[in-house]
């Protein structure tokens, strides 16, 4: 079967996903008009900083973001083939990490709601030669356009807190994963140690918005980041949310003094 997947321009308002192997020949079409309401503010904010997004990720995390994503991807499974979903894929760093870590039979679908992020992700995928293994498209994480149990596992990195309804997003991740498949969430957290927390607050609330604003020209976007983290559930709170949607064996790993955590659950 020929490769039927095309990543359509946002103005067409449709996206389809298909790989040219018999295991994943279902076609899914989503009209953005039919999706749950998407926060225009968040979407436009990410689009406005897309041109400096990767640079600022490396700079503001002191390069640790690569390790965080690699660790999160390592929690998915053996990745000897299979189909994986990367939610809030952004510029496709996680999707490419999955492709690099898996076998030549590993396939990834990445979804996001930012046109400019998707465009950058497509360029990076082509540059790395992963066009036949990674497909990107537009979708709302709170209304995923896939049937139940379609993926071997699902992951979201630094995206779940940007949803208007965290619980719905987690429910959708669980729904589209096969029984026994994993749901992995990588997200910023607040360090438990009071000394680390003090340094973290100084950097996150003061320096990060300043540096991010200077480089991106959009200081408001880097004020949103710490504000959204402060409002997000802590590690135990997110663990309970995952358990509330019937994910099993939920556990989490604190990384880099607890400034980020990786949560893992099994459907």
Protein backbone atom coordinates (compact mmCIF):
# COMPACT_ATOMS: atom_id res chain seq x y z
CA UNK A 1 0.00 0.00 0.00
CA UNK A 2 1.36 3.41 -0.92
CA UNK A 3 2.16 5.93 1.77
CA UNK A 4 -1.11 7.82 2.12
CA UNK A 5 0.03 10.18 4.83
CA UNK A 6 0.44 13.81 3.98
CA UNK A 7 0.84 16.58 6.51
CA UNK A 8 -1.66 19.10 5.27
CA UNK A 9 -1.45 22.87 5.79
CA UNK A 10 -3.47 24.10 8.76
CA UNK A 11 -5.74 26.12 6.49
CA UNK A 12 -7.17 22.89 5.06
CA UNK A 13 -8.21 21.89 8.60
CA UNK A 14 -7.62 18.17 8.10
CA UNK A 15 -4.87 15.73 8.97
CA UNK A 16 -4.55 12.03 8.17
CA UNK A 17 -2.13 9.43 9.46
CA UNK A 18 -0.98 6.29 7.69
CA UNK A 19 2.17 4.23 7.25
CA UNK A 20 2.89 1.93 4.34
CA UNK A 21 2.90 -1.26 6.38
CA UNK A 22 -0.05 -3.53 6.97
CA UNK A 23 0.03 -3.14 10.75
CA UNK A 24 -0.97 0.52 10.61
CA UNK A 25 -3.12 0.99 7.55
CA UNK A 26 -6.09 2.67 9.24
CA UNK A 27 -6.71 6.23 8.13
CA UNK A 28 -7.81 8.90 10.58
CA UNK A 29 -9.15 12.26 9.57
CA UNK A 30 -9.76 15.09 12.03
CA UNK A 31 -11.39 18.41 11.43
CA UNK A 32 -10.11 20.97 13.91
CA UNK A 33 -13.67 22.31 14.06
CA UNK A 34 -14.73 19.00 15.61
CA UNK A 35 -12.00 18.98 18.27
CA UNK A 36 -12.48 20.13 21.83
CA UNK A 37 -11.90 23.87 22.31
CA UNK A 38 -8.20 24.64 22.01
CA UNK A 39 -6.65 27.51 23.93
CA UNK A 40 -5.89 30.07 21.27
CA UNK A 41 -3.65 31.91 23.72
CA UNK A 42 -1.41 28.88 24.33
CA UNK A 43 -1.36 27.92 20.66
CA UNK A 44 -0.42 31.39 19.51
CA UNK A 45 2.15 31.72 22.27
CA UNK A 46 4.00 28.58 21.19
CA UNK A 47 3.79 29.56 17.55
CA UNK A 48 5.29 32.96 18.37
CA UNK A 49 8.40 31.44 20.00
CA UNK A 50 8.81 28.49 17.61
CA UNK A 51 11.81 30.09 15.83
CA UNK A 52 13.82 30.08 19.06
CA UNK A 53 12.17 27.12 20.80
CA UNK A 54 14.93 24.52 20.42
CA UNK A 55 17.71 27.00 21.18
CA UNK A 56 16.01 28.19 24.34
CA UNK A 57 15.26 24.64 25.48
CA UNK A 58 18.96 23.81 25.34
CA UNK A 59 20.08 27.10 26.84
CA UNK A 60 17.56 27.43 29.66
CA UNK A 61 17.89 23.79 30.72
CA UNK A 62 21.70 23.91 30.42
CA UNK A 63 21.39 21.05 27.96
CA UNK A 64 19.61 18.75 30.41
CA UNK A 65 16.41 18.62 28.34
CA UNK A 66 18.04 16.03 26.06
CA UNK A 67 18.69 13.72 28.99
CA UNK A 68 15.16 14.22 30.34
CA UNK A 69 13.60 13.26 27.00
CA UNK A 70 15.94 10.29 26.58
CA UNK A 71 15.06 8.98 30.04
CA UNK A 72 11.32 9.41 29.40
CA UNK A 73 11.54 7.57 26.07
CA UNK A 74 13.46 4.74 27.75
CA UNK A 75 10.40 4.11 29.92
CA UNK A 76 8.11 3.33 26.96
CA UNK A 77 9.12 -0.27 26.22
CA UNK A 78 11.77 -2.22 24.33
CA UNK A 79 10.63 -0.38 21.14
CA UNK A 80 11.52 -3.32 18.91
CA UNK A 81 8.98 -2.20 16.36
CA UNK A 82 5.51 -0.95 17.24
CA UNK A 83 3.58 2.29 16.87
CA UNK A 84 3.98 5.15 19.35
CA UNK A 85 2.13 8.40 19.92
CA UNK A 86 3.97 11.61 20.84
CA UNK A 87 1.47 14.18 22.12
CA UNK A 88 2.34 17.90 22.03
CA UNK A 89 5.23 16.87 19.81
CA UNK A 90 6.36 20.46 19.22
CA UNK A 91 9.45 20.33 17.01
CA UNK A 92 9.50 16.51 17.23
CA UNK A 93 12.43 16.00 19.61
CA UNK A 94 10.69 13.16 21.46
CA UNK A 95 9.42 11.56 18.25
CA UNK A 96 12.96 11.50 16.85
CA UNK A 97 14.33 10.12 20.12
CA UNK A 98 11.84 7.24 19.85
CA UNK A 99 12.86 6.59 16.24
CA UNK A 100 16.56 6.64 17.16
CA UNK A 101 16.04 4.34 20.15
CA UNK A 102 13.81 1.85 18.35
CA UNK A 103 14.34 -0.56 15.50
CA UNK A 104 13.79 0.22 11.82
CA UNK A 105 10.24 -1.07 12.29
CA UNK A 106 9.42 1.48 14.99
CA UNK A 107 6.85 4.06 13.87
CA UNK A 108 5.83 7.32 15.54
CA UNK A 109 2.90 9.66 15.09
CA UNK A 110 3.40 13.10 16.61
CA UNK A 111 0.51 15.52 17.11
CA UNK A 112 0.43 19.17 18.09
CA UNK A 113 -1.85 22.20 17.74
CA UNK A 114 0.82 24.70 16.62
CA UNK A 115 1.26 25.04 12.87
CA UNK A 116 4.71 26.60 13.14
CA UNK A 117 5.97 23.95 15.56
CA UNK A 118 4.80 21.22 13.20
CA UNK A 119 6.51 22.91 10.26
CA UNK A 120 9.82 23.02 12.13
CA UNK A 121 9.39 19.43 13.23
CA UNK A 122 8.85 18.27 9.64
CA UNK A 123 12.08 19.97 8.56
CA UNK A 124 14.04 18.29 11.36
CA UNK A 125 12.58 14.89 10.53
CA UNK A 126 13.53 15.24 6.87
CA UNK A 127 17.03 16.37 7.80
CA UNK A 128 17.49 13.24 9.94
CA UNK A 129 16.01 10.95 7.28
CA UNK A 130 13.07 9.77 9.39
CA UNK A 131 10.25 10.66 6.97
CA UNK A 132 9.22 7.02 6.58
CA UNK A 133 9.13 6.42 10.34
CA UNK A 134 7.68 9.61 11.82
CA UNK A 135 4.50 11.38 10.74
CA UNK A 136 3.26 14.66 12.19
CA UNK A 137 -0.21 16.18 12.16
CA UNK A 138 -2.58 18.54 13.91
CA UNK A 139 -4.78 17.22 16.71
CA UNK A 140 -6.21 18.23 20.07
CA UNK A 141 -4.76 16.12 22.89
CA UNK A 142 -8.15 16.25 24.61
CA UNK A 143 -9.94 14.67 21.62
CA UNK A 144 -7.44 12.41 19.86
CA UNK A 145 -8.53 11.21 16.38
CA UNK A 146 -7.56 7.57 16.92
CA UNK A 147 -9.47 4.43 17.83
CA UNK A 148 -9.17 2.75 21.22
CA UNK A 149 -5.99 0.75 21.74
CA UNK A 150 -4.37 1.89 18.50
CA UNK A 151 -0.87 2.59 19.88
CA UNK A 152 1.66 0.44 21.70
CA UNK A 153 2.42 3.37 24.03
CA UNK A 154 1.93 7.13 24.34
CA UNK A 155 4.14 9.90 25.67
CA UNK A 156 3.85 13.62 26.33
CA UNK A 157 6.81 15.83 27.23
CA UNK A 158 6.20 19.25 28.78
CA UNK A 159 2.74 19.41 27.26
CA UNK A 160 0.17 18.03 29.68
CA UNK A 161 0.12 21.18 31.84
CA UNK A 162 -0.77 23.26 28.77
CA UNK A 163 -4.12 21.49 28.42
CA UNK A 164 -7.27 23.14 29.71
CA UNK A 165 -8.26 19.81 31.30
CA UNK A 166 -5.34 17.66 32.50
CA UNK A 167 -7.53 14.69 33.40
CA UNK A 168 -9.19 14.53 29.98
CA UNK A 169 -5.78 14.55 28.32
CA UNK A 170 -4.59 11.64 30.47
CA UNK A 171 -7.82 9.74 29.80
CA UNK A 172 -7.27 10.16 26.07
CA UNK A 173 -3.70 8.88 26.35
CA UNK A 174 -4.94 5.79 28.17
CA UNK A 175 -7.77 5.25 25.70
CA UNK A 176 -5.61 5.11 22.57
CA UNK A 177 -3.00 2.78 24.12
CA UNK A 178 -3.29 -1.00 23.94
CA UNK A 179 -3.95 -3.02 27.09
CA UNK A 180 -0.57 -3.48 28.72
CA UNK A 181 0.83 -0.42 26.94
CA UNK A 182 2.48 2.45 28.79
CA UNK A 183 1.54 6.07 29.27
CA UNK A 184 4.56 8.29 29.99
CA UNK A 185 4.41 11.91 31.15
CA UNK A 186 7.50 14.13 31.40
CA UNK A 187 6.79 17.41 33.12
CA UNK A 188 8.32 20.19 35.20
CA UNK A 189 7.84 19.93 38.95
CA UNK A 190 8.81 21.84 42.06
CA UNK A 191 11.79 20.45 44.05
CA UNK A 192 10.93 19.11 47.49
CA UNK A 193 14.23 20.21 49.05
CA UNK A 194 13.79 23.76 50.35
CA UNK A 195 17.30 24.87 49.31
CA UNK A 196 16.86 23.54 45.77
CA UNK A 197 13.39 25.06 45.70
CA UNK A 198 14.73 28.49 46.60
CA UNK A 199 17.32 28.41 43.81
CA UNK A 200 14.71 27.01 41.44
CA UNK A 201 12.23 29.81 42.21
CA UNK A 202 14.89 32.47 41.67
CA UNK A 203 15.86 31.03 38.31
CA UNK A 204 12.37 30.07 37.15
CA UNK A 205 10.59 33.26 38.19
CA UNK A 206 13.30 35.84 37.56
CA UNK A 207 16.11 34.73 35.25
CA UNK A 208 14.20 32.43 32.89
CA UNK A 209 11.60 35.05 31.81
CA UNK A 210 14.37 37.61 31.36
CA UNK A 211 16.66 35.39 29.25
CA UNK A 212 13.80 33.79 27.34
CA UNK A 213 12.26 37.17 26.64
CA UNK A 214 15.50 38.68 25.35
CA UNK A 215 16.25 35.79 22.98
CA UNK A 216 12.70 35.09 21.76
CA UNK A 217 11.36 38.63 21.94
CA UNK A 218 8.31 37.21 23.73
CA UNK A 219 8.82 37.63 27.45
CA UNK A 220 5.17 36.88 28.20
CA UNK A 221 5.69 33.30 26.93
CA UNK A 222 8.45 32.72 29.45
CA UNK A 223 6.39 34.23 32.23
CA UNK A 224 3.66 31.73 31.36
CA UNK A 225 6.05 28.78 31.84
CA UNK A 226 6.72 29.22 35.59
CA UNK A 227 3.11 30.25 36.22
CA UNK A 228 1.79 27.08 34.56
CA UNK A 229 4.25 24.91 36.51
CA UNK A 230 3.18 26.44 39.83
CA UNK A 231 -0.45 25.62 39.04
CA UNK A 232 0.26 22.03 37.96
CA UNK A 233 -0.18 19.13 40.43
CA UNK A 234 2.91 17.90 42.26
CA UNK A 235 4.33 14.43 41.72
CA UNK A 236 1.90 12.69 44.06
CA UNK A 237 -1.00 14.69 42.70
CA UNK A 238 -0.26 13.68 39.10
CA UNK A 239 0.23 10.07 40.21
CA UNK A 240 -3.26 10.12 41.74
CA UNK A 241 -4.74 11.60 38.56
CA UNK A 242 -3.23 8.80 36.50
CA UNK A 243 -4.59 6.23 38.93
CA UNK A 244 -8.02 7.92 38.80
CA UNK A 245 -8.28 7.13 35.07
CA UNK A 246 -7.47 3.47 35.81
CA UNK A 247 -3.81 3.44 34.85
CA UNK A 248 -1.99 0.73 36.80
CA UNK A 249 1.43 0.41 38.44
CA UNK A 250 1.86 4.20 38.36
CA UNK A 251 5.30 5.37 39.47
CA UNK A 252 7.46 8.42 38.99
CA UNK A 253 11.12 9.35 38.81
CA UNK A 254 12.48 12.72 39.92
CA UNK A 255 15.29 14.01 37.72
CA UNK A 256 17.87 16.80 38.22
CA UNK A 257 17.12 17.56 41.88
CA UNK A 258 13.41 17.16 41.28
CA UNK A 259 12.89 20.00 38.82
CA UNK A 260 11.32 17.52 36.40
CA UNK A 261 9.62 14.18 36.91
CA UNK A 262 8.75 11.26 34.63
CA UNK A 263 5.49 9.50 35.47
CA UNK A 264 4.78 6.04 34.04
CA UNK A 265 1.51 4.09 34.09
CA UNK A 266 0.22 0.95 32.41
CA UNK A 267 -3.18 0.50 30.80
